[in-house]
Amino acid sequence: MKGAGGTSGGIGQFFIGLIMLCGGGYMLLNAISVTSSFGFGTSLYRVGYFGGLSVTSGMILIPFMFGVGMIFFSSRNLLGWLLAIGSIAAMIFGVIASIHFRIRPMSAFDLIVILVLTVGGLGLFLRSLRSF
Protein backbone atom coordinates (compact mmCIF):
# COMPACT_ATOMS: atom_id res chain seq x y z
CA MET A 1 0.00 0.00 0.00
CA LYS A 2 1.27 3.42 -0.97
CA GLY A 3 1.39 6.33 1.48
CA ALA A 4 0.50 9.97 1.04
CA GLY A 5 0.91 11.27 -2.50
CA GLY A 6 1.74 7.80 -3.86
CA THR A 7 5.04 7.73 -1.95
CA SER A 8 6.15 5.58 0.95
CA GLY A 9 5.66 8.50 3.37
CA GLY A 10 3.29 8.20 6.30
CA ILE A 11 -0.42 8.86 6.00
CA GLY A 12 -0.54 9.84 9.68
CA GLN A 13 2.13 12.50 9.18
CA PHE A 14 0.22 13.75 6.17
CA PHE A 15 -3.03 14.30 8.08
CA ILE A 16 -1.39 15.63 11.27
CA GLY A 17 0.67 18.08 9.19
CA LEU A 18 -2.40 19.12 7.20
CA ILE A 19 -4.45 19.70 10.38
CA MET A 20 -1.59 21.69 11.97
CA LEU A 21 -1.13 23.74 8.79
CA CYS A 22 -4.84 24.52 8.54
CA GLY A 23 -5.06 25.40 12.25
CA GLY A 24 -2.06 27.73 12.10
CA GLY A 25 -3.30 29.33 8.89
CA TYR A 26 -6.74 29.87 10.42
CA MET A 27 -5.23 31.47 13.54
CA LEU A 28 -3.00 33.71 11.40
CA LEU A 29 -5.86 34.87 9.17
CA ASN A 30 -8.08 35.35 12.23
CA ALA A 31 -5.46 37.71 13.72
CA ILE A 32 -5.62 40.05 10.70
CA SER A 33 -8.21 42.82 10.68
CA VAL A 34 -9.35 44.36 7.42
CA THR A 35 -10.58 47.96 7.28
CA SER A 36 -11.45 50.32 4.45
CA SER A 37 -11.35 54.08 4.16
CA PHE A 38 -13.74 54.21 1.23
CA GLY A 39 -16.36 56.97 1.38
CA PHE A 40 -17.78 59.83 -0.62
CA GLY A 41 -15.25 62.35 0.71
CA THR A 42 -12.11 60.23 0.63
CA SER A 43 -9.52 60.54 -2.10
CA LEU A 44 -9.32 57.59 -4.48
CA TYR A 45 -6.75 58.77 -7.00
CA ARG A 46 -4.21 61.56 -7.11
CA VAL A 47 -3.43 63.18 -10.45
CA GLY A 48 -0.11 64.98 -10.31
CA TYR A 49 3.14 64.46 -8.47
CA PHE A 50 2.78 66.55 -5.26
CA GLY A 51 -0.89 66.00 -4.45
CA GLY A 52 -2.29 67.84 -7.45
CA LEU A 53 -5.90 67.01 -8.28
CA SER A 54 -7.58 64.57 -5.94
CA VAL A 55 -10.38 62.46 -7.41
CA THR A 56 -12.91 61.45 -4.74
CA SER A 57 -15.39 58.61 -4.86
CA GLY A 58 -18.25 61.11 -5.17
CA MET A 59 -16.70 62.55 -8.32
CA ILE A 60 -16.81 59.11 -9.94
CA LEU A 61 -20.60 59.09 -9.58
CA ILE A 62 -20.94 62.13 -11.88
CA PRO A 63 -19.85 60.31 -15.09
CA PHE A 64 -21.86 57.30 -13.89
CA MET A 65 -25.04 59.41 -13.71
CA PHE A 66 -24.43 60.87 -17.18
CA GLY A 67 -23.75 57.38 -18.54
CA VAL A 68 -26.96 55.95 -17.06
CA GLY A 69 -28.91 58.92 -18.43
CA MET A 70 -27.46 58.35 -21.92
CA ILE A 71 -28.25 54.63 -21.72
CA PHE A 72 -31.89 55.34 -20.77
CA PHE A 73 -32.15 57.86 -23.62
CA SER A 74 -30.67 55.47 -26.17
CA SER A 75 -29.52 51.98 -25.20
CA ARG A 76 -27.23 51.85 -28.24
CA ASN A 77 -25.19 54.85 -27.09
CA LEU A 78 -21.62 53.56 -26.80
CA LEU A 79 -20.40 56.59 -24.84
CA GLY A 80 -23.10 56.04 -22.20
CA TRP A 81 -22.10 52.40 -21.74
CA LEU A 82 -18.43 53.37 -21.60
CA LEU A 83 -19.07 56.01 -18.92
CA ALA A 84 -21.25 53.72 -16.80
CA ILE A 85 -19.01 50.65 -16.96
CA GLY A 86 -15.84 52.73 -16.56
CA SER A 87 -17.24 54.45 -13.47
CA ILE A 88 -18.25 51.15 -11.90
CA ALA A 89 -14.80 49.72 -12.62
CA ALA A 90 -13.15 52.81 -11.09
CA MET A 91 -15.31 52.48 -7.96
CA ILE A 92 -14.44 48.79 -7.58
CA PHE A 93 -10.75 49.59 -8.03
CA GLY A 94 -11.04 52.41 -5.48
CA VAL A 95 -12.63 50.14 -2.88
CA ILE A 96 -9.95 47.49 -3.35
CA ALA A 97 -7.17 50.11 -3.28
CA SER A 98 -8.47 51.61 -0.02
CA ILE A 99 -8.37 48.35 1.95
CA HIS A 100 -5.94 48.26 4.89
CA PHE A 101 -4.67 45.06 6.54
CA ARG A 102 -3.53 45.20 10.18
CA ILE A 103 -2.49 42.43 12.51
CA ARG A 104 -4.15 42.71 15.90
CA PRO A 105 -2.07 42.96 19.06
CA MET A 106 -1.23 39.52 20.42
CA SER A 107 1.02 38.01 23.03
CA ALA A 108 4.32 36.33 22.21
CA PHE A 109 2.74 32.99 23.12
CA ASP A 110 -0.02 33.46 20.53
CA LEU A 111 2.54 34.32 17.84
CA ILE A 112 4.75 31.32 18.75
CA VAL A 113 1.74 28.96 18.62
CA ILE A 114 0.74 30.32 15.20
CA LEU A 115 4.27 29.98 13.82
CA VAL A 116 4.85 26.49 15.27
CA LEU A 117 1.54 25.21 13.94
CA THR A 118 1.97 26.73 10.50
CA VAL A 119 5.65 25.97 9.87
CA GLY A 120 5.66 22.66 11.75
CA GLY A 121 2.53 21.52 9.93
CA LEU A 122 4.06 22.47 6.60
CA GLY A 123 7.21 20.51 7.46
CA LEU A 124 5.25 17.38 8.45
CA PHE A 125 3.02 17.71 5.41
CA LEU A 126 5.97 17.96 3.01
CA ARG A 127 7.89 15.19 4.80
CA SER A 128 4.97 12.81 4.33
CA LEU A 129 5.10 13.38 0.56
CA ARG A 130 8.78 12.43 0.41
CA SER A 131 9.60 8.77 -0.20
CA PHE A 132 11.84 7.03 2.32
C-alpha atoms as a PDB file:
ATOM      1  CA  MET A   1       0.000   0.000   0.000  1.00  0.00           C
ATOM      2  CA  LYS A   2       1.273   3.424  -0.966  1.00  0.00           C
ATOM      3  CA  GLY A   3       1.392   6.326   1.478  1.00  0.00           C
ATOM      4  CA  ALA A   4       0.505   9.974   1.037  1.00  0.00           C
ATOM      5  CA  GLY A   5       0.914  11.272  -2.500  1.00  0.00           C
ATOM      6  CA  GLY A   6       1.743   7.795  -3.856  1.00  0.00           C
ATOM      7  CA  THR A   7       5.040   7.727  -1.946  1.00  0.00           C
ATOM      8  CA  SER A   8       6.145   5.579   0.948  1.00  0.00           C
ATOM      9  CA  GLY A   9       5.662   8.501   3.374  1.00  0.00           C
ATOM     10  CA  GLY A  10       3.291   8.199   6.303  1.00  0.00           C
ATOM     11  CA  ILE A  11      -0.420   8.864   6.001  1.00  0.00           C
ATOM     12  CA  GLY A  12      -0.538   9.842   9.685  1.00  0.00           C
ATOM     13  CA  GLN A  13       2.130  12.500   9.178  1.00  0.00           C
ATOM     14  CA  PHE A  14       0.217  13.750   6.172  1.00  0.00           C
ATOM     15  CA  PHE A  15      -3.034  14.300   8.081  1.00  0.00           C
ATOM     16  CA  ILE A  16      -1.393  15.631  11.267  1.00  0.00           C
ATOM     17  CA  GLY A  17       0.671  18.081   9.195  1.00  0.00           C
ATOM     18  CA  LEU A  18      -2.404  19.116   7.203  1.00  0.00           C
ATOM     19  CA  ILE A  19      -4.446  19.705  10.379  1.00  0.00           C
ATOM     20  CA  MET A  20      -1.593  21.695  11.965  1.00  0.00           C
ATOM     21  CA  LEU A  21      -1.126  23.741   8.788  1.00  0.00           C
ATOM     22  CA  CYS A  22      -4.843  24.517   8.544  1.00  0.00           C
ATOM     23  CA  GLY A  23      -5.064  25.398  12.248  1.00  0.00           C
ATOM     24  CA  GLY A  24      -2.059  27.733  12.098  1.00  0.00           C
ATOM     25  CA  GLY A  25      -3.304  29.332   8.891  1.00  0.00           C
ATOM     26  CA  TYR A  26      -6.740  29.875  10.421  1.00  0.00           C
ATOM     27  CA  MET A  27      -5.234  31.466  13.537  1.00  0.00           C
ATOM     28  CA  LEU A  28      -2.998  33.706  11.402  1.00  0.00           C
ATOM     29  CA  LEU A  29      -5.858  34.870   9.167  1.00  0.00           C
ATOM     30  CA  ASN A  30      -8.078  35.346  12.228  1.00  0.00           C
ATOM     31  CA  ALA A  31      -5.460  37.705  13.721  1.00  0.00           C
ATOM     32  CA  ILE A  32      -5.624  40.048  10.703  1.00  0.00           C
ATOM     33  CA  SER A  33      -8.214  42.820  10.681  1.00  0.00           C
ATOM     34  CA  VAL A  34      -9.350  44.362   7.420  1.00  0.00           C
ATOM     35  CA  THR A  35     -10.584  47.964   7.276  1.00  0.00           C
ATOM     36  CA  SER A  36     -11.447  50.315   4.453  1.00  0.00           C
ATOM     37  CA  SER A  37     -11.346  54.077   4.160  1.00  0.00           C
ATOM     38  CA  PHE A  38     -13.745  54.211   1.228  1.00  0.00           C
ATOM     39  CA  GLY A  39     -16.360  56.974   1.384  1.00  0.00           C
ATOM     40  CA  PHE A  40     -17.781  59.831  -0.618  1.00  0.00           C
ATOM     41  CA  GLY A  41     -15.247  62.351   0.714  1.00  0.00           C
ATOM     42  CA  THR A  42     -12.106  60.228   0.629  1.00  0.00           C
ATOM     43  CA  SER A  43      -9.524  60.541  -2.097  1.00  0.00           C
ATOM     44  CA  LEU A  44      -9.321  57.588  -4.479  1.00  0.00           C
ATOM     45  CA  TYR A  45      -6.752  58.770  -7.004  1.00  0.00           C
ATOM     46  CA  ARG A  46      -4.215  61.559  -7.107  1.00  0.00           C
ATOM     47  CA  VAL A  47      -3.433  63.177 -10.446  1.00  0.00           C
ATOM     48  CA  GLY A  48      -0.106  64.980 -10.309  1.00  0.00           C
ATOM     49  CA  TYR A  49       3.143  64.457  -8.475  1.00  0.00           C
ATOM     50  CA  PHE A  50       2.775  66.550  -5.264  1.00  0.00           C
ATOM     51  CA  GLY A  51      -0.891  66.005  -4.453  1.00  0.00           C
ATOM     52  CA  GLY A  52      -2.290  67.835  -7.454  1.00  0.00           C
ATOM     53  CA  LEU A  53      -5.897  67.006  -8.277  1.00  0.00           C
ATOM     54  CA  SER A  54      -7.579  64.575  -5.937  1.00  0.00           C
ATOM     55  CA  VAL A  55     -10.381  62.457  -7.409  1.00  0.00           C
ATOM     56  CA  THR A  56     -12.912  61.450  -4.741  1.00  0.00           C
ATOM     57  CA  SER A  57     -15.393  58.613  -4.860  1.00  0.00           C
ATOM     58  CA  GLY A  58     -18.247  61.111  -5.168  1.00  0.00           C
ATOM     59  CA  MET A  59     -16.699  62.549  -8.323  1.00  0.00           C
ATOM     60  CA  ILE A  60     -16.812  59.114  -9.935  1.00  0.00           C
ATOM     61  CA  LEU A  61     -20.596  59.091  -9.584  1.00  0.00           C
ATOM     62  CA  ILE A  62     -20.942  62.133 -11.881  1.00  0.00           C
ATOM     63  CA  PRO A  63     -19.854  60.310 -15.088  1.00  0.00           C
ATOM     64  CA  PHE A  64     -21.862  57.302 -13.888  1.00  0.00           C
ATOM     65  CA  MET A  65     -25.035  59.412 -13.714  1.00  0.00           C
ATOM     66  CA  PHE A  66     -24.427  60.871 -17.180  1.00  0.00           C
ATOM     67  CA  GLY A  67     -23.752  57.381 -18.541  1.00  0.00           C
ATOM     68  CA  VAL A  68     -26.956  55.955 -17.064  1.00  0.00           C
ATOM     69  CA  GLY A  69     -28.911  58.925 -18.432  1.00  0.00           C
ATOM     70  CA  MET A  70     -27.465  58.349 -21.920  1.00  0.00           C
ATOM     71  CA  ILE A  71     -28.250  54.635 -21.724  1.00  0.00           C
ATOM     72  CA  PHE A  72     -31.890  55.336 -20.775  1.00  0.00           C
ATOM     73  CA  PHE A  73     -32.153  57.859 -23.616  1.00  0.00           C
ATOM     74  CA  SER A  74     -30.670  55.469 -26.169  1.00  0.00           C
ATOM     75  CA  SER A  75     -29.521  51.982 -25.199  1.00  0.00           C
ATOM     76  CA  ARG A  76     -27.227  51.854 -28.245  1.00  0.00           C
ATOM     77  CA  ASN A  77     -25.186  54.850 -27.092  1.00  0.00           C
ATOM     78  CA  LEU A  78     -21.620  53.560 -26.798  1.00  0.00           C
ATOM     79  CA  LEU A  79     -20.399  56.592 -24.836  1.00  0.00           C
ATOM     80  CA  GLY A  80     -23.103  56.036 -22.201  1.00  0.00           C
ATOM     81  CA  TRP A  81     -22.095  52.396 -21.740  1.00  0.00           C
ATOM     82  CA  LEU A  82     -18.432  53.373 -21.599  1.00  0.00           C
ATOM     83  CA  LEU A  83     -19.074  56.007 -18.918  1.00  0.00           C
ATOM     84  CA  ALA A  84     -21.252  53.724 -16.795  1.00  0.00           C
ATOM     85  CA  ILE A  85     -19.006  50.653 -16.965  1.00  0.00           C
ATOM     86  CA  GLY A  86     -15.838  52.731 -16.565  1.00  0.00           C
ATOM     87  CA  SER A  87     -17.240  54.449 -13.467  1.00  0.00           C
ATOM     88  CA  ILE A  88     -18.246  51.150 -11.897  1.00  0.00           C
ATOM     89  CA  ALA A  89     -14.797  49.716 -12.617  1.00  0.00           C
ATOM     90  CA  ALA A  90     -13.152  52.812 -11.087  1.00  0.00           C
ATOM     91  CA  MET A  91     -15.307  52.476  -7.963  1.00  0.00           C
ATOM     92  CA  ILE A  92     -14.438  48.790  -7.576  1.00  0.00           C
ATOM     93  CA  PHE A  93     -10.752  49.585  -8.032  1.00  0.00           C
ATOM     94  CA  GLY A  94     -11.043  52.411  -5.478  1.00  0.00           C
ATOM     95  CA  VAL A  95     -12.634  50.137  -2.885  1.00  0.00           C
ATOM     96  CA  ILE A  96      -9.953  47.493  -3.354  1.00  0.00           C
ATOM     97  CA  ALA A  97      -7.173  50.108  -3.280  1.00  0.00           C
ATOM     98  CA  SER A  98      -8.469  51.612  -0.019  1.00  0.00           C
ATOM     99  CA  ILE A  99      -8.366  48.346   1.954  1.00  0.00           C
ATOM    100  CA  HIS A 100      -5.941  48.256   4.886  1.00  0.00           C
ATOM    101  CA  PHE A 101      -4.667  45.058   6.543  1.00  0.00           C
ATOM    102  CA  ARG A 102      -3.534  45.204  10.176  1.00  0.00           C
ATOM    103  CA  ILE A 103      -2.485  42.431  12.509  1.00  0.00           C
ATOM    104  CA  ARG A 104      -4.149  42.709  15.901  1.00  0.00           C
ATOM    105  CA  PRO A 105      -2.066  42.959  19.058  1.00  0.00           C
ATOM    106  CA  MET A 106      -1.225  39.515  20.421  1.00  0.00           C
ATOM    107  CA  SER A 107       1.019  38.008  23.026  1.00  0.00           C
ATOM    108  CA  ALA A 108       4.322  36.335  22.208  1.00  0.00           C
ATOM    109  CA  PHE A 109       2.743  32.987  23.119  1.00  0.00           C
ATOM    110  CA  ASP A 110      -0.019  33.461  20.528  1.00  0.00           C
ATOM    111  CA  LEU A 111       2.538  34.316  17.842  1.00  0.00           C
ATOM    112  CA  ILE A 112       4.747  31.324  18.750  1.00  0.00           C
ATOM    113  CA  VAL A 113       1.744  28.964  18.615  1.00  0.00           C
ATOM    114  CA  ILE A 114       0.740  30.322  15.199  1.00  0.00           C
ATOM    115  CA  LEU A 115       4.271  29.978  13.815  1.00  0.00           C
ATOM    116  CA  VAL A 116       4.850  26.485  15.268  1.00  0.00           C
ATOM    117  CA  LEU A 117       1.536  25.210  13.942  1.00  0.00           C
ATOM    118  CA  THR A 118       1.975  26.734  10.498  1.00  0.00           C
ATOM    119  CA  VAL A 119       5.653  25.970   9.866  1.00  0.00           C
ATOM    120  CA  GLY A 120       5.656  22.658  11.750  1.00  0.00           C
ATOM    121  CA  GLY A 121       2.526  21.523   9.930  1.00  0.00           C
ATOM    122  CA  LEU A 122       4.057  22.468   6.602  1.00  0.00           C
ATOM    123  CA  GLY A 123       7.206  20.508   7.464  1.00  0.00           C
ATOM    124  CA  LEU A 124       5.249  17.381   8.446  1.00  0.00           C
ATOM    125  CA  PHE A 125       3.018  17.708   5.408  1.00  0.00           C
ATOM    126  CA  LEU A 126       5.967  17.960   3.014  1.00  0.00           C
ATOM    127  CA  ARG A 127       7.893  15.190   4.799  1.00  0.00           C
ATOM    128  CA  SER A 128       4.973  12.813   4.334  1.00  0.00           C
ATOM    129  CA  LEU A 129       5.099  13.378   0.557  1.00  0.00           C
ATOM    130  CA  ARG A 130       8.781  12.428   0.412  1.00  0.00           C
ATOM    131  CA  SER A 131       9.598   8.774  -0.199  1.00  0.00           C
ATOM    132  CA  PHE A 132      11.836   7.026   2.321  1.00  0.00           C
END
